Amino acid sequence: MSKTFAQFCLLSSLTLLVGASAFAQAPAAAPPASPAAAPASCPAILKQTFKRLQDESPQDLCQYSGKVILVVNTASYCGFTNQYEGLEAMYAKYGSKGLVILGFPSNDFGQQEPGSSKEIADFCYNTYGVKFPMFAKSVVSGKEPNPLFANLIKITGKAPAWNFHKYLIDRNGKVVDNFGSKVTPSDKQLVGAVEKALAM
């Protein structure tokens, strides 16, 4: 091997080593920044907390933002109590499409919800298989309804006249309709309004 060729090979090797060392020491390129997730907005009407019926654990209604919501005041010993069955069927049918039903037991009308939270929860589940969210017993009418119903009454101008009054809230938190106790969960008027809200 000639002296000149040997020097060329040595120089080439040194160049490669220096280049590799510089590459190894170079800081790794930062991964592209992922876009910040937009904070979920909570409509004013849902900025409230109520105790869950089963264990009185505080529940922020903002967790239902973006859903179509049917708010119902309920009672265990009423002529309309069998509407629980229809409400649960509606929840099972449309829940995956974005519907949630919120039940608020109340003893306001005819003293038809006298039991404790545990008694009400056991009755709802054991008798009608209720799985939609239920909240602790509260006042839904008169001078001091709970904050959610106070807003619903103010917006619609309609207070519950009896158990199983229903208020429909769209995905944007707008109260779009309300239905009296005699309007069953299978009523075409109610079903149509729910389907329309889900389609928006």
C-alpha atoms as a PDB file:
ATOM      1  CA  MET A   1       0.000   0.000   0.000  1.00  0.00           C
ATOM      2  CA  SER A   2       1.442   3.403  -0.964  1.00  0.00           C
ATOM      3  CA  LYS A   3       2.103   5.993   1.713  1.00  0.00           C
ATOM      4  CA  THR A   4      -0.213   8.481   0.004  1.00  0.00           C
ATOM      5  CA  PHE A   5      -3.129   5.997  -0.123  1.00  0.00           C
ATOM      6  CA  ALA A   6      -2.635   5.054   3.536  1.00  0.00           C
ATOM      7  CA  GLN A   7      -2.747   8.728   4.530  1.00  0.00           C
ATOM      8  CA  PHE A   8      -5.964   9.172   2.506  1.00  0.00           C
ATOM      9  CA  CYS A   9      -7.637   6.219   4.292  1.00  0.00           C
ATOM     10  CA  LEU A  10      -6.584   7.510   7.712  1.00  0.00           C
ATOM     11  CA  LEU A  11      -7.897  10.989   6.932  1.00  0.00           C
ATOM     12  CA  SER A  12     -11.228   9.568   5.709  1.00  0.00           C
ATOM     13  CA  SER A  13     -11.605   7.465   8.862  1.00  0.00           C
ATOM     14  CA  LEU A  14     -10.943  10.478  11.108  1.00  0.00           C
ATOM     15  CA  THR A  15     -13.488  12.549   9.187  1.00  0.00           C
ATOM     16  CA  LEU A  16     -16.173   9.862   9.652  1.00  0.00           C
ATOM     17  CA  LEU A  17     -15.421   9.545  13.365  1.00  0.00           C
ATOM     18  CA  VAL A  18     -15.620  13.302  13.948  1.00  0.00           C
ATOM     19  CA  GLY A  19     -18.897  13.484  12.002  1.00  0.00           C
ATOM     20  CA  ALA A  20     -20.425  10.596  13.950  1.00  0.00           C
ATOM     21  CA  SER A  21     -19.386  12.132  17.271  1.00  0.00           C
ATOM     22  CA  ALA A  22     -20.918  15.481  16.344  1.00  0.00           C
ATOM     23  CA  PHE A  23     -24.167  13.768  15.304  1.00  0.00           C
ATOM     24  CA  ALA A  24     -24.333  11.841  18.578  1.00  0.00           C
ATOM     25  CA  GLN A  25     -23.890  15.034  20.593  1.00  0.00           C
ATOM     26  CA  ALA A  26     -26.444  17.031  18.610  1.00  0.00           C
ATOM     27  CA  PRO A  27     -29.708  17.521  20.514  1.00  0.00           C
ATOM     28  CA  ALA A  28     -32.579  15.380  19.257  1.00  0.00           C
ATOM     29  CA  ALA A  29     -35.158  17.264  17.265  1.00  0.00           C
ATOM     30  CA  ALA A  30     -38.173  18.104  19.412  1.00  0.00           C
ATOM     31  CA  PRO A  31     -41.367  16.300  18.358  1.00  0.00           C
ATOM     32  CA  PRO A  32     -43.914  18.561  16.741  1.00  0.00           C
ATOM     33  CA  ALA A  33     -46.107  20.214  19.339  1.00  0.00           C
ATOM     34  CA  SER A  34     -49.568  18.725  19.474  1.00  0.00           C
ATOM     35  CA  PRO A  35     -52.380  21.246  19.307  1.00  0.00           C
ATOM     36  CA  ALA A  36     -53.771  22.099  22.714  1.00  0.00           C
ATOM     37  CA  ALA A  37     -57.106  20.469  23.384  1.00  0.00           C
ATOM     38  CA  ALA A  38     -59.860  23.044  23.446  1.00  0.00           C
ATOM     39  CA  PRO A  39     -61.432  23.219  26.923  1.00  0.00           C
ATOM     40  CA  ALA A  40     -64.946  21.822  26.961  1.00  0.00           C
ATOM     41  CA  SER A  41     -67.381  24.645  27.604  1.00  0.00           C
ATOM     42  CA  CYS A  42     -70.099  24.086  30.159  1.00  0.00           C
ATOM     43  CA  PRO A  43     -73.449  25.826  29.593  1.00  0.00           C
ATOM     44  CA  ALA A  44     -74.533  28.083  32.435  1.00  0.00           C
ATOM     45  CA  ILE A  45     -77.560  25.928  33.239  1.00  0.00           C
ATOM     46  CA  LEU A  46     -75.287  22.962  33.999  1.00  0.00           C
ATOM     47  CA  LYS A  47     -72.850  24.806  36.257  1.00  0.00           C
ATOM     48  CA  GLN A  48     -74.312  23.185  39.347  1.00  0.00           C
ATOM     49  CA  THR A  49     -73.591  20.261  41.636  1.00  0.00           C
ATOM     50  CA  PHE A  50     -76.080  17.794  43.085  1.00  0.00           C
ATOM     51  CA  LYS A  51     -75.678  14.734  45.281  1.00  0.00           C
ATOM     52  CA  ARG A  52     -76.031  11.364  43.580  1.00  0.00           C
ATOM     53  CA  LEU A  53     -79.025   9.399  44.877  1.00  0.00           C
ATOM     54  CA  GLN A  54     -77.169   6.147  45.562  1.00  0.00           C
ATOM     55  CA  ASP A  55     -74.340   7.460  47.751  1.00  0.00           C
ATOM     56  CA  GLU A  56     -74.747  11.255  47.980  1.00  0.00           C
ATOM     57  CA  SER A  57     -71.478  11.736  46.113  1.00  0.00           C
ATOM     58  CA  PRO A  58     -71.362  15.291  44.652  1.00  0.00           C
ATOM     59  CA  GLN A  59     -71.970  15.288  40.899  1.00  0.00           C
ATOM     60  CA  ASP A  60     -71.030  18.203  38.657  1.00  0.00           C
ATOM     61  CA  LEU A  61     -73.677  18.534  35.954  1.00  0.00           C
ATOM     62  CA  CYS A  62     -70.998  19.898  33.612  1.00  0.00           C
ATOM     63  CA  GLN A  63     -70.088  16.252  32.969  1.00  0.00           C
ATOM     64  CA  TYR A  64     -73.174  16.160  30.735  1.00  0.00           C
ATOM     65  CA  SER A  65     -72.050  19.066  28.539  1.00  0.00           C
ATOM     66  CA  GLY A  66     -72.585  18.311  24.862  1.00  0.00           C
ATOM     67  CA  LYS A  67     -75.397  15.853  25.514  1.00  0.00           C
ATOM     68  CA  VAL A  68     -79.130  16.145  24.966  1.00  0.00           C
ATOM     69  CA  ILE A  69     -80.636  16.147  28.460  1.00  0.00           C
ATOM     70  CA  LEU A  70     -84.116  15.225  29.644  1.00  0.00           C
ATOM     71  CA  VAL A  71     -84.667  16.452  33.205  1.00  0.00           C
ATOM     72  CA  VAL A  72     -87.526  14.746  35.065  1.00  0.00           C
ATOM     73  CA  ASN A  73     -88.903  15.184  38.595  1.00  0.00           C
ATOM     74  CA  THR A  74     -89.880  11.759  39.860  1.00  0.00           C
ATOM     75  CA  ALA A  75     -91.769  10.013  42.668  1.00  0.00           C
ATOM     76  CA  SER A  76     -92.104   6.386  43.735  1.00  0.00           C
ATOM     77  CA  TYR A  77     -95.789   6.315  44.668  1.00  0.00           C
ATOM     78  CA  CYS A  78     -97.519   8.189  41.872  1.00  0.00           C
ATOM     79  CA  GLY A  79     -99.942   7.240  39.158  1.00  0.00           C
ATOM     80  CA  PHE A  80     -97.201   8.189  36.687  1.00  0.00           C
ATOM     81  CA  THR A  81     -94.459   6.172  38.404  1.00  0.00           C
ATOM     82  CA  ASN A  82     -94.580   3.497  35.694  1.00  0.00           C
ATOM     83  CA  GLN A  83     -93.056   6.120  33.384  1.00  0.00           C
ATOM     84  CA  TYR A  84     -89.742   5.016  34.880  1.00  0.00           C
ATOM     85  CA  GLU A  85     -89.973   2.015  32.577  1.00  0.00           C
ATOM     86  CA  GLY A  86     -90.425   4.168  29.489  1.00  0.00           C
ATOM     87  CA  LEU A  87     -87.694   6.594  30.557  1.00  0.00           C
ATOM     88  CA  GLU A  88     -85.229   3.753  31.037  1.00  0.00           C
ATOM     89  CA  ALA A  89     -86.189   2.321  27.622  1.00  0.00           C
ATOM     90  CA  MET A  90     -85.591   5.742  26.049  1.00  0.00           C
ATOM     91  CA  TYR A  91     -82.224   6.018  27.804  1.00  0.00           C
ATOM     92  CA  ALA A  92     -81.227   2.547  26.590  1.00  0.00           C
ATOM     93  CA  LYS A  93     -82.258   3.378  23.012  1.00  0.00           C
ATOM     94  CA  TYR A  94     -80.781   6.843  22.654  1.00  0.00           C
ATOM     95  CA  GLY A  95     -78.014   6.925  25.262  1.00  0.00           C
ATOM     96  CA  SER A  96     -75.351   5.900  22.758  1.00  0.00           C
ATOM     97  CA  LYS A  97     -76.507   8.737  20.496  1.00  0.00           C
ATOM     98  CA  GLY A  98     -75.989  11.368  23.167  1.00  0.00           C
ATOM     99  CA  LEU A  99     -79.126  11.395  25.336  1.00  0.00           C
ATOM    100  CA  VAL A 100     -78.951  11.422  29.111  1.00  0.00           C
ATOM    101  CA  ILE A 101     -81.937  11.451  31.454  1.00  0.00           C
ATOM    102  CA  LEU A 102     -81.539  13.097  34.856  1.00  0.00           C
ATOM    103  CA  GLY A 103     -84.022  12.077  37.528  1.00  0.00           C
ATOM    104  CA  PHE A 104     -84.795  14.310  40.508  1.00  0.00           C
ATOM    105  CA  PRO A 105     -86.990  12.626  43.141  1.00  0.00           C
ATOM    106  CA  SER A 106     -89.246  15.035  44.969  1.00  0.00           C
ATOM    107  CA  ASN A 107     -91.866  14.822  47.675  1.00  0.00           C
ATOM    108  CA  ASP A 108     -93.528  18.049  46.512  1.00  0.00           C
ATOM    109  CA  PHE A 109     -96.688  16.545  45.075  1.00  0.00           C
ATOM    110  CA  GLY A 110     -99.063  14.437  47.146  1.00  0.00           C
ATOM    111  CA  GLN A 111     -96.244  13.371  49.489  1.00  0.00           C
ATOM    112  CA  GLN A 112     -95.550  10.586  46.989  1.00  0.00           C
ATOM    113  CA  GLU A 113     -91.796  10.342  47.610  1.00  0.00           C
ATOM    114  CA  PRO A 114     -91.510   9.924  51.400  1.00  0.00           C
ATOM    115  CA  GLY A 115     -88.568   7.489  51.486  1.00  0.00           C
ATOM    116  CA  SER A 116     -84.877   7.882  52.157  1.00  0.00           C
ATOM    117  CA  SER A 117     -82.311   8.063  49.388  1.00  0.00           C
ATOM    118  CA  LYS A 118     -81.504   4.367  49.811  1.00  0.00           C
ATOM    119  CA  GLU A 119     -85.183   3.393  49.689  1.00  0.00           C
ATOM    120  CA  ILE A 120     -85.734   5.456  46.538  1.00  0.00           C
ATOM    121  CA  ALA A 121     -82.606   4.073  44.866  1.00  0.00           C
ATOM    122  CA  ASP A 122     -83.544   0.476  45.707  1.00  0.00           C
ATOM    123  CA  PHE A 123     -87.085   1.002  44.427  1.00  0.00           C
ATOM    124  CA  CYS A 124     -85.967   2.552  41.146  1.00  0.00           C
ATOM    125  CA  TYR A 125     -83.419  -0.148  40.390  1.00  0.00           C
ATOM    126  CA  ASN A 126     -85.267  -3.200  41.721  1.00  0.00           C
ATOM    127  CA  THR A 127     -88.673  -2.283  40.287  1.00  0.00           C
ATOM    128  CA  TYR A 128     -87.789  -0.596  36.993  1.00  0.00           C
ATOM    129  CA  GLY A 129     -84.092  -1.322  36.442  1.00  0.00           C
ATOM    130  CA  VAL A 130     -83.314   2.399  36.334  1.00  0.00           C
ATOM    131  CA  LYS A 131     -79.741   3.056  35.216  1.00  0.00           C
ATOM    132  CA  PHE A 132     -79.953   6.690  34.152  1.00  0.00           C
ATOM    133  CA  PRO A 133     -78.491   9.208  36.643  1.00  0.00           C
ATOM    134  CA  MET A 134     -80.642   9.925  39.680  1.00  0.00           C
ATOM    135  CA  PHE A 135     -80.057  12.577  42.311  1.00  0.00           C
ATOM    136  CA  ALA A 136     -80.930  12.996  45.967  1.00  0.00           C
ATOM    137  CA  LYS A 137     -84.460  14.077  46.831  1.00  0.00           C
ATOM    138  CA  SER A 138     -85.010  17.824  46.534  1.00  0.00           C
ATOM    139  CA  VAL A 139     -87.624  20.523  46.104  1.00  0.00           C
ATOM    140  CA  VAL A 140     -88.599  21.232  42.480  1.00  0.00           C
ATOM    141  CA  SER A 141     -91.491  23.668  42.862  1.00  0.00           C
ATOM    142  CA  GLY A 142     -92.845  26.444  45.052  1.00  0.00           C
ATOM    143  CA  LYS A 143     -90.808  29.346  46.385  1.00  0.00           C
ATOM    144  CA  GLU A 144     -87.475  27.523  46.745  1.00  0.00           C
ATOM    145  CA  PRO A 145     -86.962  24.895  44.038  1.00  0.00           C
ATOM    146  CA  ASN A 146     -83.470  23.513  43.629  1.00  0.00           C
ATOM    147  CA  PRO A 147     -81.216  25.727  41.439  1.00  0.00           C
ATOM    148  CA  LEU A 148     -81.611  23.642  38.274  1.00  0.00           C
ATOM    149  CA  PHE A 149     -85.401  23.634  38.433  1.00  0.00           C
ATOM    150  CA  ALA A 150     -85.431  27.323  39.366  1.00  0.00           C
ATOM    151  CA  ASN A 151     -83.631  28.039  36.096  1.00  0.00           C
ATOM    152  CA  LEU A 152     -85.818  25.667  34.088  1.00  0.00           C
ATOM    153  CA  ILE A 153     -88.971  27.277  35.456  1.00  0.00           C
ATOM    154  CA  LYS A 154     -87.648  30.783  34.775  1.00  0.00           C
ATOM    155  CA  ILE A 155     -86.656  29.952  31.198  1.00  0.00           C
ATOM    156  CA  THR A 156     -89.805  28.073  30.200  1.00  0.00           C
ATOM    157  CA  GLY A 157     -92.348  29.841  32.384  1.00  0.00           C
ATOM    158  CA  LYS A 158     -93.596  26.367  33.314  1.00  0.00           C
ATOM    159  CA  ALA A 159     -93.214  24.898  36.783  1.00  0.00           C
ATOM    160  CA  PRO A 160     -93.940  21.203  37.374  1.00  0.00           C
ATOM    161  CA  ALA A 161     -97.598  20.820  38.239  1.00  0.00           C
ATOM    162  CA  TRP A 162     -97.062  17.215  39.328  1.00  0.00           C
ATOM    163  CA  ASN A 163     -94.540  14.404  39.267  1.00  0.00           C
ATOM    164  CA  PHE A 164     -92.816  13.440  35.997  1.00  0.00           C
ATOM    165  CA  HIS A 165     -92.735  16.842  34.354  1.00  0.00           C
ATOM    166  CA  LYS A 166     -90.000  16.849  31.708  1.00  0.00           C
ATOM    167  CA  TYR A 167     -87.612  19.534  30.425  1.00  0.00           C
ATOM    168  CA  LEU A 168     -85.554  19.011  27.282  1.00  0.00           C
ATOM    169  CA  ILE A 169     -82.128  20.669  26.971  1.00  0.00           C
ATOM    170  CA  ASP A 170     -80.164  20.546  23.715  1.00  0.00           C
ATOM    171  CA  ARG A 171     -76.436  19.902  23.255  1.00  0.00           C
ATOM    172  CA  ASN A 172     -75.655  23.609  23.619  1.00  0.00           C
ATOM    173  CA  GLY A 173     -77.427  23.922  26.956  1.00  0.00           C
ATOM    174  CA  LYS A 174     -80.526  25.603  25.540  1.00  0.00           C
ATOM    175  CA  VAL A 175     -83.863  24.582  27.041  1.00  0.00           C
ATOM    176  CA  VAL A 176     -85.867  23.737  23.938  1.00  0.00           C
ATOM    177  CA  ASP A 177     -89.130  22.291  25.299  1.00  0.00           C
ATOM    178  CA  ASN A 178     -91.009  20.961  28.302  1.00  0.00           C
ATOM    179  CA  PHE A 179     -93.704  18.347  28.693  1.00  0.00           C
ATOM    180  CA  GLY A 180     -96.358  17.785  31.346  1.00  0.00           C
ATOM    181  CA  SER A 181     -96.754  14.665  33.443  1.00  0.00           C
ATOM    182  CA  LYS A 182     -99.284  13.081  31.104  1.00  0.00           C
ATOM    183  CA  VAL A 183     -96.821  13.077  28.206  1.00  0.00           C
ATOM    184  CA  THR A 184     -95.329   9.600  28.403  1.00  0.00           C
ATOM    185  CA  PRO A 185     -91.791   8.737  27.294  1.00  0.00           C
ATOM    186  CA  SER A 186     -93.225   6.941  24.244  1.00  0.00           C
ATOM    187  CA  ASP A 187     -95.385   9.908  23.194  1.00  0.00           C
ATOM    188  CA  LYS A 188     -94.619  10.900  19.593  1.00  0.00           C
ATOM    189  CA  GLN A 189     -94.352  14.554  20.568  1.00  0.00           C
ATOM    190  CA  LEU A 190     -91.610  13.867  23.133  1.00  0.00           C
ATOM    191  CA  VAL A 191     -89.796  11.249  21.054  1.00  0.00           C
ATOM    192  CA  GLY A 192     -89.824  13.581  18.058  1.00  0.00           C
ATOM    193  CA  ALA A 193     -88.369  16.445  20.089  1.00  0.00           C
ATOM    194  CA  VAL A 194     -85.622  14.209  21.491  1.00  0.00           C
ATOM    195  CA  GLU A 195     -84.703  12.844  18.051  1.00  0.00           C
ATOM    196  CA  LYS A 196     -84.632  16.357  16.599  1.00  0.00           C
ATOM    197  CA  ALA A 197     -82.294  17.543  19.373  1.00  0.00           C
ATOM    198  CA  LEU A 198     -80.022  14.514  18.886  1.00  0.00           C
ATOM    199  CA  ALA A 199     -79.810  15.192  15.152  1.00  0.00           C
ATOM    200  CA  MET A 200     -78.518  18.749  15.675  1.00  0.00           C
END
